[in-house]
Amino acid sequence: MDEEILKQMSEAGIDGENALKRFSGNMAIFKKILLKFPNDKSYDALQKALDARNYEEAERACHTLKGVAGNMGMTALFELCAELHTALHNGNQEVDALFQPMQRAYREILDFIDTL
């Protein structure tokens, strides 16, 4: 894989080498799936649930987003989702402080995807 792409992925919080292994080294398939990531509805559902203070729904959406991020090698987003999910699961309603860095990580990934 091109070193520049790997560098850009890393800067966006994506572990490109390990993510690519999940796709048997097939960059075309990985890129195809990566380009579909912005269409995933779990981030929007999470944001709406948090805005409505519906923490049960937020926990479900966060769990889904965490799974997608983990499967795609989006390590930074995965770790931040895990922290937020734990807080939501434990009833910690001080989630805004956890959501903000997760939101930044999500946007960094979208910015990277826009360059593909």
C-alpha atoms as a PDB file:
ATOM      1  CA  MET A   1       0.000   0.000   0.000  1.00  0.00           C
ATOM      2  CA  ASP A   2       1.190   3.489  -0.756  1.00  0.00           C
ATOM      3  CA  GLU A   3       3.086   4.980   2.202  1.00  0.00           C
ATOM      4  CA  GLU A   4       1.438   8.378   1.719  1.00  0.00           C
ATOM      5  CA  ILE A   5      -2.047   6.851   2.005  1.00  0.00           C
ATOM      6  CA  LEU A   6      -0.993   4.981   5.144  1.00  0.00           C
ATOM      7  CA  LYS A   7       0.339   8.223   6.610  1.00  0.00           C
ATOM      8  CA  GLN A   8      -2.904  10.047   5.820  1.00  0.00           C
ATOM      9  CA  MET A   9      -4.928   7.209   7.305  1.00  0.00           C
ATOM     10  CA  SER A  10      -2.842   7.303  10.456  1.00  0.00           C
ATOM     11  CA  GLU A  11      -3.308  11.064  10.764  1.00  0.00           C
ATOM     12  CA  ALA A  12      -7.069  10.491  10.516  1.00  0.00           C
ATOM     13  CA  GLY A  13      -6.965   7.877  13.288  1.00  0.00           C
ATOM     14  CA  ILE A  14      -7.169   4.832  11.022  1.00  0.00           C
ATOM     15  CA  ASP A  15      -4.776   1.913  11.433  1.00  0.00           C
ATOM     16  CA  GLY A  16      -4.526   1.258   7.713  1.00  0.00           C
ATOM     17  CA  GLU A  17      -2.228  -1.745   7.850  1.00  0.00           C
ATOM     18  CA  ASN A  18      -4.389  -3.684  10.306  1.00  0.00           C
ATOM     19  CA  ALA A  19      -7.618  -2.559   8.674  1.00  0.00           C
ATOM     20  CA  LEU A  20      -6.394  -3.747   5.310  1.00  0.00           C
ATOM     21  CA  LYS A  21      -5.610  -7.176   6.774  1.00  0.00           C
ATOM     22  CA  ARG A  22      -9.317  -7.537   7.579  1.00  0.00           C
ATOM     23  CA  PHE A  23      -9.939  -7.200   3.847  1.00  0.00           C
ATOM     24  CA  SER A  24      -7.274  -9.741   2.851  1.00  0.00           C
ATOM     25  CA  GLY A  25      -5.024  -6.927   1.677  1.00  0.00           C
ATOM     26  CA  ASN A  26      -7.513  -5.878  -0.987  1.00  0.00           C
ATOM     27  CA  MET A  27      -7.289  -2.086  -1.054  1.00  0.00           C
ATOM     28  CA  ALA A  28     -10.080  -1.756  -3.631  1.00  0.00           C
ATOM     29  CA  ILE A  29     -12.589  -3.510  -1.366  1.00  0.00           C
ATOM     30  CA  PHE A  30     -11.397  -1.619   1.723  1.00  0.00           C
ATOM     31  CA  LYS A  31     -11.699   1.693  -0.106  1.00  0.00           C
ATOM     32  CA  LYS A  32     -15.178   0.774  -1.368  1.00  0.00           C
ATOM     33  CA  ILE A  33     -16.359   0.020   2.176  1.00  0.00           C
ATOM     34  CA  LEU A  34     -14.581   3.084   3.566  1.00  0.00           C
ATOM     35  CA  LEU A  35     -16.393   5.305   1.069  1.00  0.00           C
ATOM     36  CA  LYS A  36     -19.704   3.978   2.433  1.00  0.00           C
ATOM     37  CA  PHE A  37     -18.829   4.973   6.001  1.00  0.00           C
ATOM     38  CA  PRO A  38     -20.317   8.513   5.751  1.00  0.00           C
ATOM     39  CA  ASN A  39     -23.685   6.891   4.917  1.00  0.00           C
ATOM     40  CA  ASP A  40     -23.754   4.937   8.177  1.00  0.00           C
ATOM     41  CA  LYS A  41     -26.601   6.334  10.290  1.00  0.00           C
ATOM     42  CA  SER A  42     -25.258   5.443  13.735  1.00  0.00           C
ATOM     43  CA  TYR A  43     -23.378   8.734  14.231  1.00  0.00           C
ATOM     44  CA  ASP A  44     -26.460  10.800  13.361  1.00  0.00           C
ATOM     45  CA  ALA A  45     -28.598   8.614  15.618  1.00  0.00           C
ATOM     46  CA  LEU A  46     -26.114   9.070  18.449  1.00  0.00           C
ATOM     47  CA  GLN A  47     -26.035  12.831  18.058  1.00  0.00           C
ATOM     48  CA  LYS A  48     -29.839  13.099  17.921  1.00  0.00           C
ATOM     49  CA  ALA A  49     -30.245  10.846  20.961  1.00  0.00           C
ATOM     50  CA  LEU A  50     -27.721  12.876  22.951  1.00  0.00           C
ATOM     51  CA  ASP A  51     -29.416  16.132  21.940  1.00  0.00           C
ATOM     52  CA  ALA A  52     -32.719  14.682  23.175  1.00  0.00           C
ATOM     53  CA  ARG A  53     -31.013  13.319  26.322  1.00  0.00           C
ATOM     54  CA  ASN A  54     -32.245   9.861  25.349  1.00  0.00           C
ATOM     55  CA  TYR A  55     -29.319   7.992  26.839  1.00  0.00           C
ATOM     56  CA  GLU A  56     -30.710   4.524  26.168  1.00  0.00           C
ATOM     57  CA  GLU A  57     -30.922   5.195  22.436  1.00  0.00           C
ATOM     58  CA  ALA A  58     -27.561   6.988  22.554  1.00  0.00           C
ATOM     59  CA  GLU A  59     -25.994   3.889  24.087  1.00  0.00           C
ATOM     60  CA  ARG A  60     -27.347   1.692  21.273  1.00  0.00           C
ATOM     61  CA  ALA A  61     -26.167   4.064  18.554  1.00  0.00           C
ATOM     62  CA  CYS A  62     -22.774   4.435  20.199  1.00  0.00           C
ATOM     63  CA  HIS A  63     -22.401   0.666  20.420  1.00  0.00           C
ATOM     64  CA  THR A  64     -23.138   0.355  16.704  1.00  0.00           C
ATOM     65  CA  LEU A  65     -20.709   3.124  15.761  1.00  0.00           C
ATOM     66  CA  LYS A  66     -18.052   1.559  17.979  1.00  0.00           C
ATOM     67  CA  GLY A  67     -18.442  -1.748  16.117  1.00  0.00           C
ATOM     68  CA  VAL A  68     -18.212  -0.131  12.708  1.00  0.00           C
ATOM     69  CA  ALA A  69     -15.149   1.867  13.764  1.00  0.00           C
ATOM     70  CA  GLY A  70     -13.464  -1.215  15.183  1.00  0.00           C
ATOM     71  CA  ASN A  71     -14.084  -3.273  12.061  1.00  0.00           C
ATOM     72  CA  MET A  72     -12.721  -0.503   9.852  1.00  0.00           C
ATOM     73  CA  GLY A  73      -9.536   0.024  11.866  1.00  0.00           C
ATOM     74  CA  MET A  74     -10.660   3.468  13.026  1.00  0.00           C
ATOM     75  CA  THR A  75      -8.765   3.061  16.249  1.00  0.00           C
ATOM     76  CA  ALA A  76      -9.113   6.575  17.633  1.00  0.00           C
ATOM     77  CA  LEU A  77     -12.853   6.675  16.976  1.00  0.00           C
ATOM     78  CA  PHE A  78     -13.282   3.154  18.354  1.00  0.00           C
ATOM     79  CA  GLU A  79     -11.516   4.031  21.615  1.00  0.00           C
ATOM     80  CA  LEU A  80     -13.495   7.248  22.070  1.00  0.00           C
ATOM     81  CA  CYS A  81     -16.756   5.427  21.322  1.00  0.00           C
ATOM     82  CA  ALA A  82     -15.820   2.789  23.896  1.00  0.00           C
ATOM     83  CA  GLU A  83     -15.338   5.477  26.555  1.00  0.00           C
ATOM     84  CA  LEU A  84     -18.627   7.147  25.684  1.00  0.00           C
ATOM     85  CA  HIS A  85     -20.455   3.816  25.546  1.00  0.00           C
ATOM     86  CA  THR A  86     -19.187   2.897  29.009  1.00  0.00           C
ATOM     87  CA  ALA A  87     -20.302   6.257  30.397  1.00  0.00           C
ATOM     88  CA  LEU A  88     -23.746   5.875  28.841  1.00  0.00           C
ATOM     89  CA  HIS A  89     -24.048   2.288  30.049  1.00  0.00           C
ATOM     90  CA  ASN A  90     -23.135   3.300  33.597  1.00  0.00           C
ATOM     91  CA  GLY A  91     -25.652   6.148  33.628  1.00  0.00           C
ATOM     92  CA  ASN A  92     -23.031   8.894  33.585  1.00  0.00           C
ATOM     93  CA  GLN A  93     -24.938  11.792  32.109  1.00  0.00           C
ATOM     94  CA  GLU A  94     -21.841  13.976  31.805  1.00  0.00           C
ATOM     95  CA  VAL A  95     -21.361  12.679  28.296  1.00  0.00           C
ATOM     96  CA  ASP A  96     -20.846  15.971  26.470  1.00  0.00           C
ATOM     97  CA  ALA A  97     -17.196  16.050  27.492  1.00  0.00           C
ATOM     98  CA  LEU A  98     -16.748  12.571  26.001  1.00  0.00           C
ATOM     99  CA  PHE A  99     -18.800  13.239  22.881  1.00  0.00           C
ATOM    100  CA  GLN A 100     -16.773  16.262  21.757  1.00  0.00           C
ATOM    101  CA  PRO A 101     -13.465  14.439  21.148  1.00  0.00           C
ATOM    102  CA  MET A 102     -15.376  11.554  19.573  1.00  0.00           C
ATOM    103  CA  GLN A 103     -17.059  14.048  17.265  1.00  0.00           C
ATOM    104  CA  ARG A 104     -13.648  15.466  16.258  1.00  0.00           C
ATOM    105  CA  ALA A 105     -12.310  11.975  15.519  1.00  0.00           C
ATOM    106  CA  TYR A 106     -15.380  11.227  13.402  1.00  0.00           C
ATOM    107  CA  ARG A 107     -14.952  14.435  11.414  1.00  0.00           C
ATOM    108  CA  GLU A 108     -11.251  13.750  10.837  1.00  0.00           C
ATOM    109  CA  ILE A 109     -12.191  10.424   9.284  1.00  0.00           C
ATOM    110  CA  LEU A 110     -14.812  12.068   7.086  1.00  0.00           C
ATOM    111  CA  ASP A 111     -12.255  14.673   6.008  1.00  0.00           C
ATOM    112  CA  PHE A 112      -9.854  11.891   5.033  1.00  0.00           C
ATOM    113  CA  ILE A 113     -12.559  10.011   3.137  1.00  0.00           C
ATOM    114  CA  ASP A 114     -13.340  13.198   1.210  1.00  0.00           C
ATOM    115  CA  THR A 115      -9.791  13.105  -0.183  1.00  0.00           C
ATOM    116  CA  LEU A 116     -10.237   9.639  -1.693  1.00  0.00           C
END
